C-alpha cells in the first residue's frame, strides 16, 4: 500500500510529507483577500523566491523568515487547507480524496505536472515592486 493511502498527514515522515508536493507552484501565487467579503482572488504573480522554470523555492529552508506571508503547512490544522489549490495533494488528502492521476508519486516523473497543465510554468510572473497583483487576477484559479 502506498504511504499516502495508509497514513494520515500527521503520521507522515518529513520525506513523505515533502514528496506529496507536486511542485506546481500554485500555492506560491499571490492571493488577495476582499476585506468585506473574505473572498480570495488568485493572481498570476508569484512569490519572489519562486524559480518559475523549475517551480521550486530558491530558499525553501528559510522561506518563512524571508517572506512574511509564507506559510509552513505543517504548522497549521489540516482543515485550514481550503485556500490551497483544489489539485493540491495536501488539501486532497486532508479532504479524504485520492491524488490526481498526473501526480508525480503516481507517474514517477516530476514533469507530469507541467504536461497536465497544472503548474505555474508559462503563465506566472515574478513578484516585484513595479508589479501590482490587482492587475493580474486570474479567474480560472479562484
N, C-alpha and C. Protein backbone atom coordinates (compact mmCIF):
# COMPACT_ATOMS: atom_id res chain seq x y z
N UNK A 1 0.85 -1.19 0.00
CA UNK A 1 0.00 0.00 0.00
C UNK A 1 0.89 1.25 0.00
N UNK A 2 0.49 2.24 -0.76
CA UNK A 2 1.25 3.48 -0.85
C UNK A 2 1.06 4.29 0.44
N UNK A 3 2.15 4.94 0.88
CA UNK A 3 2.13 5.59 2.20
C UNK A 3 0.99 6.59 2.36
N UNK A 4 0.66 7.34 1.32
CA UNK A 4 -0.40 8.36 1.43
C UNK A 4 -1.78 7.73 1.54
N UNK A 5 -1.88 6.45 1.27
CA UNK A 5 -3.17 5.76 1.40
C UNK A 5 -3.29 5.06 2.76
N UNK A 6 -2.17 4.92 3.45
CA UNK A 6 -2.22 4.22 4.73
C UNK A 6 -1.90 5.10 5.93
N UNK A 7 -1.42 6.31 5.69
CA UNK A 7 -1.08 7.22 6.79
C UNK A 7 -1.88 8.51 6.68
N UNK A 8 -2.10 9.12 7.83
CA UNK A 8 -2.69 10.45 7.82
C UNK A 8 -1.56 11.45 7.56
N UNK A 9 -1.90 12.68 7.23
CA UNK A 9 -0.88 13.70 7.04
C UNK A 9 -0.01 13.86 8.28
N UNK A 10 -0.62 13.80 9.44
CA UNK A 10 0.11 13.96 10.70
C UNK A 10 1.08 12.82 10.96
N UNK A 11 0.82 11.64 10.43
CA UNK A 11 1.68 10.47 10.65
C UNK A 11 2.87 10.38 9.69
N UNK A 12 2.88 11.20 8.68
CA UNK A 12 3.93 11.12 7.65
C UNK A 12 5.27 11.64 8.14
N UNK A 13 6.33 11.00 7.65
CA UNK A 13 7.68 11.49 7.92
C UNK A 13 7.89 12.77 7.11
N UNK A 14 8.94 13.48 7.41
CA UNK A 14 9.25 14.70 6.65
C UNK A 14 9.47 14.37 5.18
N UNK A 15 10.16 13.29 4.89
CA UNK A 15 10.41 12.88 3.50
C UNK A 15 9.10 12.56 2.79
N UNK A 16 8.22 11.83 3.43
CA UNK A 16 6.91 11.50 2.83
C UNK A 16 6.11 12.78 2.60
N UNK A 17 6.09 13.64 3.61
CA UNK A 17 5.35 14.90 3.53
C UNK A 17 5.84 15.72 2.34
N UNK A 18 7.13 15.91 2.24
CA UNK A 18 7.70 16.73 1.16
C UNK A 18 7.44 16.11 -0.22
N UNK A 19 7.40 14.78 -0.30
CA UNK A 19 7.17 14.13 -1.59
C UNK A 19 5.73 14.31 -2.09
N UNK A 20 4.83 14.69 -1.20
CA UNK A 20 3.44 14.96 -1.61
C UNK A 20 3.34 16.20 -2.47
N UNK A 21 4.24 17.14 -2.28
CA UNK A 21 4.20 18.37 -3.07
C UNK A 21 4.51 18.04 -4.52
N UNK A 22 3.60 18.42 -5.42
CA UNK A 22 3.78 18.10 -6.84
C UNK A 22 4.61 19.15 -7.57
N UNK A 23 5.02 20.20 -6.85
CA UNK A 23 5.83 21.28 -7.42
C UNK A 23 5.08 22.05 -8.51
N UNK A 24 3.80 22.25 -8.31
CA UNK A 24 3.02 23.04 -9.28
C UNK A 24 3.26 24.53 -9.10
N UNK A 25 3.53 24.96 -7.86
CA UNK A 25 3.78 26.36 -7.57
C UNK A 25 2.53 27.19 -7.33
N UNK A 26 1.36 26.60 -7.48
CA UNK A 26 0.12 27.37 -7.33
C UNK A 26 -0.07 27.94 -5.93
N UNK A 27 0.44 27.27 -4.92
CA UNK A 27 0.28 27.78 -3.56
C UNK A 27 1.12 29.03 -3.34
N UNK A 28 2.13 29.26 -4.18
CA UNK A 28 3.00 30.41 -4.05
C UNK A 28 2.56 31.61 -4.88
N UNK A 29 1.43 31.48 -5.56
CA UNK A 29 0.86 32.63 -6.25
C UNK A 29 0.30 33.60 -5.22
N UNK A 30 0.47 34.88 -5.47
CA UNK A 30 -0.04 35.90 -4.55
C UNK A 30 -1.56 35.87 -4.59
N UNK A 31 -2.15 35.89 -3.39
CA UNK A 31 -3.60 35.88 -3.25
C UNK A 31 -4.03 37.17 -2.57
N UNK A 32 -5.16 37.69 -2.99
CA UNK A 32 -5.70 38.92 -2.42
C UNK A 32 -7.03 38.61 -1.77
N UNK A 33 -7.23 39.11 -0.57
CA UNK A 33 -8.50 38.86 0.14
C UNK A 33 -9.32 40.14 0.18
N UNK A 34 -10.58 40.03 -0.23
CA UNK A 34 -11.51 41.14 -0.12
C UNK A 34 -11.87 41.27 1.35
N UNK A 35 -11.54 42.39 1.95
CA UNK A 35 -11.75 42.58 3.39
C UNK A 35 -13.21 42.57 3.80
N UNK A 36 -14.10 42.92 2.88
CA UNK A 36 -15.52 42.95 3.19
C UNK A 36 -16.18 41.59 3.07
N UNK A 37 -15.83 40.83 2.02
CA UNK A 37 -16.50 39.55 1.77
C UNK A 37 -15.67 38.34 2.19
N UNK A 38 -14.36 38.53 2.35
CA UNK A 38 -13.49 37.40 2.68
C UNK A 38 -13.11 36.57 1.46
N UNK A 39 -13.62 36.96 0.29
CA UNK A 39 -13.34 36.23 -0.94
C UNK A 39 -11.86 36.36 -1.30
N UNK A 40 -11.28 35.25 -1.77
CA UNK A 40 -9.87 35.22 -2.15
C UNK A 40 -9.76 35.27 -3.66
N UNK A 41 -8.93 36.18 -4.16
CA UNK A 41 -8.64 36.28 -5.59
C UNK A 41 -7.20 35.80 -5.79
N UNK A 42 -7.01 34.92 -6.75
CA UNK A 42 -5.67 34.41 -7.07
C UNK A 42 -5.11 35.24 -8.22
N UNK A 43 -3.83 35.57 -8.12
CA UNK A 43 -3.18 36.35 -9.18
C UNK A 43 -2.15 35.47 -9.88
N UNK A 44 -1.64 35.93 -11.00
CA UNK A 44 -0.57 35.20 -11.68
C UNK A 44 0.81 35.67 -11.22
N UNK A 45 0.83 36.50 -10.17
CA UNK A 45 2.07 36.97 -9.56
C UNK A 45 2.53 35.93 -8.54
N UNK A 46 3.79 35.55 -8.64
CA UNK A 46 4.31 34.51 -7.77
C UNK A 46 5.37 35.10 -6.83
N UNK A 47 5.52 34.49 -5.68
CA UNK A 47 6.49 34.88 -4.66
C UNK A 47 7.86 35.14 -5.27
N UNK A 48 8.55 36.12 -4.71
CA UNK A 48 9.88 36.50 -5.20
C UNK A 48 10.91 35.37 -5.09
N UNK A 49 10.66 34.39 -4.24
CA UNK A 49 11.61 33.29 -4.08
C UNK A 49 11.38 32.14 -5.06
N UNK A 50 10.31 32.20 -5.80
CA UNK A 50 9.97 31.09 -6.71
C UNK A 50 10.81 31.15 -7.98
N UNK A 51 11.37 30.00 -8.36
CA UNK A 51 12.01 29.85 -9.67
C UNK A 51 10.89 29.37 -10.60
N UNK A 52 10.46 30.23 -11.50
CA UNK A 52 9.29 29.92 -12.33
C UNK A 52 9.55 28.75 -13.27
N UNK A 53 10.78 28.56 -13.72
CA UNK A 53 11.08 27.45 -14.63
C UNK A 53 10.99 26.09 -13.94
N UNK A 54 11.56 26.00 -12.73
CA UNK A 54 11.56 24.71 -12.03
C UNK A 54 10.36 24.57 -11.09
N UNK A 55 9.68 25.68 -10.81
CA UNK A 55 8.57 25.71 -9.85
C UNK A 55 9.02 25.27 -8.46
N UNK A 56 10.25 25.65 -8.12
CA UNK A 56 10.80 25.36 -6.79
C UNK A 56 11.19 26.66 -6.10
N UNK A 57 11.09 26.68 -4.79
CA UNK A 57 11.50 27.82 -4.00
C UNK A 57 13.03 27.87 -4.01
N UNK A 58 13.57 29.07 -4.20
CA UNK A 58 15.02 29.21 -4.26
C UNK A 58 15.67 29.20 -2.88
N UNK A 59 14.88 29.34 -1.82
CA UNK A 59 15.42 29.28 -0.45
C UNK A 59 14.37 28.64 0.46
N UNK A 60 14.03 27.41 0.15
CA UNK A 60 12.96 26.71 0.84
C UNK A 60 13.15 26.66 2.35
N UNK A 61 14.36 26.38 2.80
CA UNK A 61 14.60 26.25 4.25
C UNK A 61 14.34 27.54 5.01
N UNK A 62 14.59 28.68 4.39
CA UNK A 62 14.46 29.97 5.07
C UNK A 62 13.26 30.79 4.61
N UNK A 63 12.39 30.20 3.79
CA UNK A 63 11.30 30.95 3.16
C UNK A 63 10.40 31.67 4.15
N UNK A 64 10.08 31.04 5.26
CA UNK A 64 9.14 31.65 6.20
C UNK A 64 9.74 32.86 6.91
N UNK A 65 11.04 32.91 7.07
CA UNK A 65 11.66 34.09 7.68
C UNK A 65 11.93 35.18 6.64
N UNK A 66 12.05 34.81 5.37
CA UNK A 66 12.33 35.78 4.31
C UNK A 66 11.07 36.40 3.71
N UNK A 67 9.96 35.66 3.75
CA UNK A 67 8.70 36.12 3.16
C UNK A 67 7.64 36.10 4.26
N UNK A 68 7.18 37.29 4.63
CA UNK A 68 6.26 37.42 5.76
C UNK A 68 4.99 36.58 5.62
N UNK A 69 4.46 36.46 4.41
CA UNK A 69 3.21 35.73 4.19
C UNK A 69 3.39 34.24 3.93
N UNK A 70 4.62 33.77 3.89
CA UNK A 70 4.86 32.35 3.62
C UNK A 70 4.39 31.49 4.79
N UNK A 71 3.80 30.36 4.45
CA UNK A 71 3.20 29.50 5.47
C UNK A 71 3.84 28.12 5.45
N UNK A 72 4.20 27.63 6.62
CA UNK A 72 4.65 26.25 6.77
C UNK A 72 3.40 25.42 7.06
N UNK A 73 2.97 24.65 6.07
CA UNK A 73 1.71 23.92 6.19
C UNK A 73 1.68 22.98 7.40
N UNK A 74 2.81 22.45 7.78
CA UNK A 74 2.82 21.51 8.91
C UNK A 74 2.48 22.19 10.23
N UNK A 75 2.51 23.50 10.26
CA UNK A 75 2.22 24.25 11.48
C UNK A 75 0.75 24.64 11.60
N UNK A 76 -0.08 24.14 10.69
CA UNK A 76 -1.50 24.51 10.67
C UNK A 76 -2.39 23.28 10.72
N UNK A 77 -3.62 23.51 11.10
CA UNK A 77 -4.61 22.45 11.11
C UNK A 77 -4.97 22.09 9.67
N UNK A 78 -5.10 20.83 9.39
CA UNK A 78 -5.37 20.37 8.04
C UNK A 78 -6.71 20.90 7.50
N UNK A 79 -7.64 21.18 8.38
CA UNK A 79 -8.94 21.72 7.96
C UNK A 79 -8.80 23.12 7.37
N UNK A 80 -7.67 23.79 7.65
CA UNK A 80 -7.45 25.14 7.14
C UNK A 80 -6.93 25.14 5.70
N UNK A 81 -6.75 24.00 5.09
CA UNK A 81 -6.13 23.91 3.77
C UNK A 81 -7.07 24.26 2.63
N UNK A 82 -8.24 24.78 2.93
CA UNK A 82 -9.22 25.12 1.89
C UNK A 82 -8.70 26.17 0.91
N UNK A 83 -7.76 26.99 1.32
CA UNK A 83 -7.21 28.04 0.45
C UNK A 83 -6.23 27.47 -0.58
N UNK A 84 -5.76 26.25 -0.35
CA UNK A 84 -4.84 25.64 -1.31
C UNK A 84 -5.58 25.28 -2.60
N UNK A 85 -4.84 25.15 -3.70
CA UNK A 85 -5.49 24.76 -4.96
C UNK A 85 -6.25 23.44 -4.79
N UNK A 86 -7.34 23.30 -5.50
CA UNK A 86 -8.16 22.08 -5.42
C UNK A 86 -7.39 20.84 -5.83
N UNK A 87 -6.29 21.00 -6.55
CA UNK A 87 -5.48 19.87 -7.02
C UNK A 87 -4.35 19.52 -6.05
N UNK A 88 -4.16 20.30 -5.00
CA UNK A 88 -3.04 20.12 -4.07
C UNK A 88 -3.20 18.82 -3.28
N UNK A 89 -2.12 18.04 -3.25
CA UNK A 89 -2.15 16.75 -2.54
C UNK A 89 -2.46 16.92 -1.06
N UNK A 90 -1.92 17.94 -0.43
CA UNK A 90 -2.19 18.16 1.00
C UNK A 90 -3.69 18.40 1.22
N UNK A 91 -4.26 19.24 0.42
CA UNK A 91 -5.70 19.53 0.54
C UNK A 91 -6.52 18.28 0.21
N UNK A 92 -6.19 17.61 -0.89
CA UNK A 92 -6.94 16.42 -1.29
C UNK A 92 -6.93 15.36 -0.20
N UNK A 93 -5.75 15.07 0.34
CA UNK A 93 -5.66 14.04 1.38
C UNK A 93 -6.36 14.48 2.66
N UNK A 94 -6.27 15.76 3.00
CA UNK A 94 -6.97 16.27 4.19
C UNK A 94 -8.48 16.12 4.03
N UNK A 95 -8.96 16.18 2.77
CA UNK A 95 -10.39 16.03 2.49
C UNK A 95 -10.78 14.57 2.21
N UNK A 96 -9.83 13.65 2.35
CA UNK A 96 -10.12 12.23 2.12
C UNK A 96 -10.23 11.84 0.66
N UNK A 97 -9.64 12.62 -0.22
CA UNK A 97 -9.70 12.36 -1.66
C UNK A 97 -8.38 11.77 -2.16
N UNK A 98 -8.42 11.09 -3.31
CA UNK A 98 -7.20 10.49 -3.86
C UNK A 98 -6.33 11.52 -4.59
N UNK A 99 -5.09 11.16 -4.82
CA UNK A 99 -4.21 12.00 -5.63
C UNK A 99 -4.66 11.95 -7.08
N UNK A 100 -4.48 13.04 -7.83
CA UNK A 100 -4.84 13.03 -9.25
C UNK A 100 -3.90 12.13 -10.04
N UNK A 101 -4.36 11.62 -11.16
CA UNK A 101 -3.56 10.65 -11.91
C UNK A 101 -2.28 11.22 -12.49
N UNK A 102 -2.13 12.53 -12.58
CA UNK A 102 -0.91 13.15 -13.08
C UNK A 102 0.11 13.42 -11.98
N UNK A 103 -0.20 13.12 -10.73
CA UNK A 103 0.70 13.43 -9.62
C UNK A 103 2.02 12.67 -9.78
N UNK A 104 3.16 13.31 -9.54
CA UNK A 104 4.47 12.66 -9.69
C UNK A 104 4.64 11.36 -8.89
N UNK A 105 3.98 11.24 -7.75
CA UNK A 105 4.08 9.98 -7.00
C UNK A 105 3.43 8.83 -7.75
N UNK A 106 2.49 9.14 -8.63
CA UNK A 106 1.82 8.09 -9.41
C UNK A 106 2.48 7.89 -10.77
N UNK A 107 3.00 8.97 -11.36
CA UNK A 107 3.59 8.87 -12.70
C UNK A 107 5.08 8.53 -12.67
N UNK A 108 5.73 8.85 -11.55
CA UNK A 108 7.17 8.61 -11.46
C UNK A 108 8.01 9.69 -12.10
N UNK A 109 7.40 10.76 -12.58
CA UNK A 109 8.14 11.85 -13.20
C UNK A 109 7.61 13.21 -12.76
N UNK A 110 8.50 14.12 -12.38
CA UNK A 110 8.04 15.45 -11.96
C UNK A 110 7.45 16.27 -13.10
N UNK A 111 7.78 15.94 -14.34
CA UNK A 111 7.27 16.69 -15.48
C UNK A 111 5.78 16.44 -15.74
N UNK A 112 5.20 15.44 -15.11
CA UNK A 112 3.79 15.14 -15.34
C UNK A 112 2.89 16.31 -14.93
N UNK A 113 3.34 17.12 -13.98
CA UNK A 113 2.58 18.29 -13.54
C UNK A 113 2.52 19.33 -14.66
N UNK A 114 3.65 19.57 -15.30
CA UNK A 114 3.69 20.53 -16.41
C UNK A 114 2.89 20.00 -17.60
N UNK A 115 3.05 18.71 -17.90
CA UNK A 115 2.33 18.12 -19.03
C UNK A 115 0.81 18.15 -18.83
N UNK A 116 0.39 18.07 -17.58
CA UNK A 116 -1.05 18.12 -17.27
C UNK A 116 -1.58 19.56 -17.26
N UNK A 117 -0.68 20.53 -17.38
CA UNK A 117 -1.11 21.93 -17.40
C UNK A 117 -1.46 22.47 -16.03
N UNK A 118 -0.93 21.86 -14.99
CA UNK A 118 -1.27 22.23 -13.62
C UNK A 118 -0.29 23.26 -13.04
N UNK A 119 0.94 23.28 -13.50
CA UNK A 119 1.96 24.14 -12.89
C UNK A 119 1.85 25.59 -13.35
N UNK A 120 2.52 26.47 -12.60
CA UNK A 120 2.55 27.90 -12.92
C UNK A 120 3.53 28.20 -14.05
N UNK A 121 4.30 27.22 -14.43
CA UNK A 121 5.28 27.39 -15.51
C UNK A 121 4.58 27.90 -16.77
N UNK A 122 5.05 29.01 -17.28
CA UNK A 122 4.48 29.53 -18.52
C UNK A 122 3.47 30.65 -18.35
N UNK A 123 2.92 30.86 -17.14
CA UNK A 123 1.97 31.96 -17.00
C UNK A 123 2.25 32.87 -15.81
N UNK A 124 3.05 32.43 -14.86
CA UNK A 124 3.31 33.25 -13.68
C UNK A 124 4.33 34.34 -13.99
N UNK A 125 4.21 35.43 -13.24
CA UNK A 125 5.21 36.49 -13.32
C UNK A 125 5.74 36.74 -11.91
N UNK A 126 6.98 37.12 -11.83
CA UNK A 126 7.66 37.29 -10.56
C UNK A 126 7.18 38.54 -9.81
N UNK A 127 7.01 38.40 -8.52
CA UNK A 127 6.65 39.49 -7.63
C UNK A 127 7.76 40.55 -7.66
N UNK A 128 7.38 41.81 -7.76
CA UNK A 128 8.35 42.90 -7.71
C UNK A 128 7.62 44.18 -7.31
N UNK A 129 8.39 45.21 -7.04
CA UNK A 129 7.80 46.48 -6.61
C UNK A 129 7.01 47.16 -7.72
N UNK A 130 7.30 46.87 -8.97
CA UNK A 130 6.59 47.51 -10.07
C UNK A 130 5.44 46.67 -10.63
N UNK A 131 5.16 45.52 -10.03
CA UNK A 131 4.05 44.68 -10.46
C UNK A 131 2.93 44.77 -9.42
N UNK A 132 1.76 45.22 -9.85
CA UNK A 132 0.61 45.32 -8.95
C UNK A 132 -0.24 44.05 -9.11
N UNK A 133 -0.28 43.21 -8.07
CA UNK A 133 -1.05 41.96 -8.18
C UNK A 133 -2.51 42.16 -8.59
N UNK A 134 -3.11 43.30 -8.23
CA UNK A 134 -4.51 43.55 -8.60
C UNK A 134 -4.70 43.62 -10.11
N UNK A 135 -3.64 43.90 -10.84
CA UNK A 135 -3.71 43.95 -12.30
C UNK A 135 -3.58 42.55 -12.93
N UNK A 136 -3.35 41.55 -12.09
CA UNK A 136 -3.06 40.21 -12.63
C UNK A 136 -3.93 39.12 -11.99
N UNK A 137 -5.14 39.45 -11.61
CA UNK A 137 -6.06 38.47 -11.03
C UNK A 137 -6.49 37.49 -12.13
N UNK A 138 -6.47 36.21 -11.80
CA UNK A 138 -6.89 35.19 -12.76
C UNK A 138 -8.14 34.48 -12.22
N UNK A 139 -9.17 34.49 -13.00
CA UNK A 139 -10.45 33.93 -12.58
C UNK A 139 -10.47 32.42 -12.55
N UNK A 140 -9.77 31.76 -13.46
CA UNK A 140 -9.87 30.31 -13.57
C UNK A 140 -9.20 29.55 -12.44
N UNK A 141 -8.42 30.20 -11.59
CA UNK A 141 -7.85 29.53 -10.43
C UNK A 141 -8.57 29.90 -9.15
N UNK A 142 -9.48 30.83 -9.20
CA UNK A 142 -10.17 31.29 -7.98
C UNK A 142 -11.24 30.32 -7.58
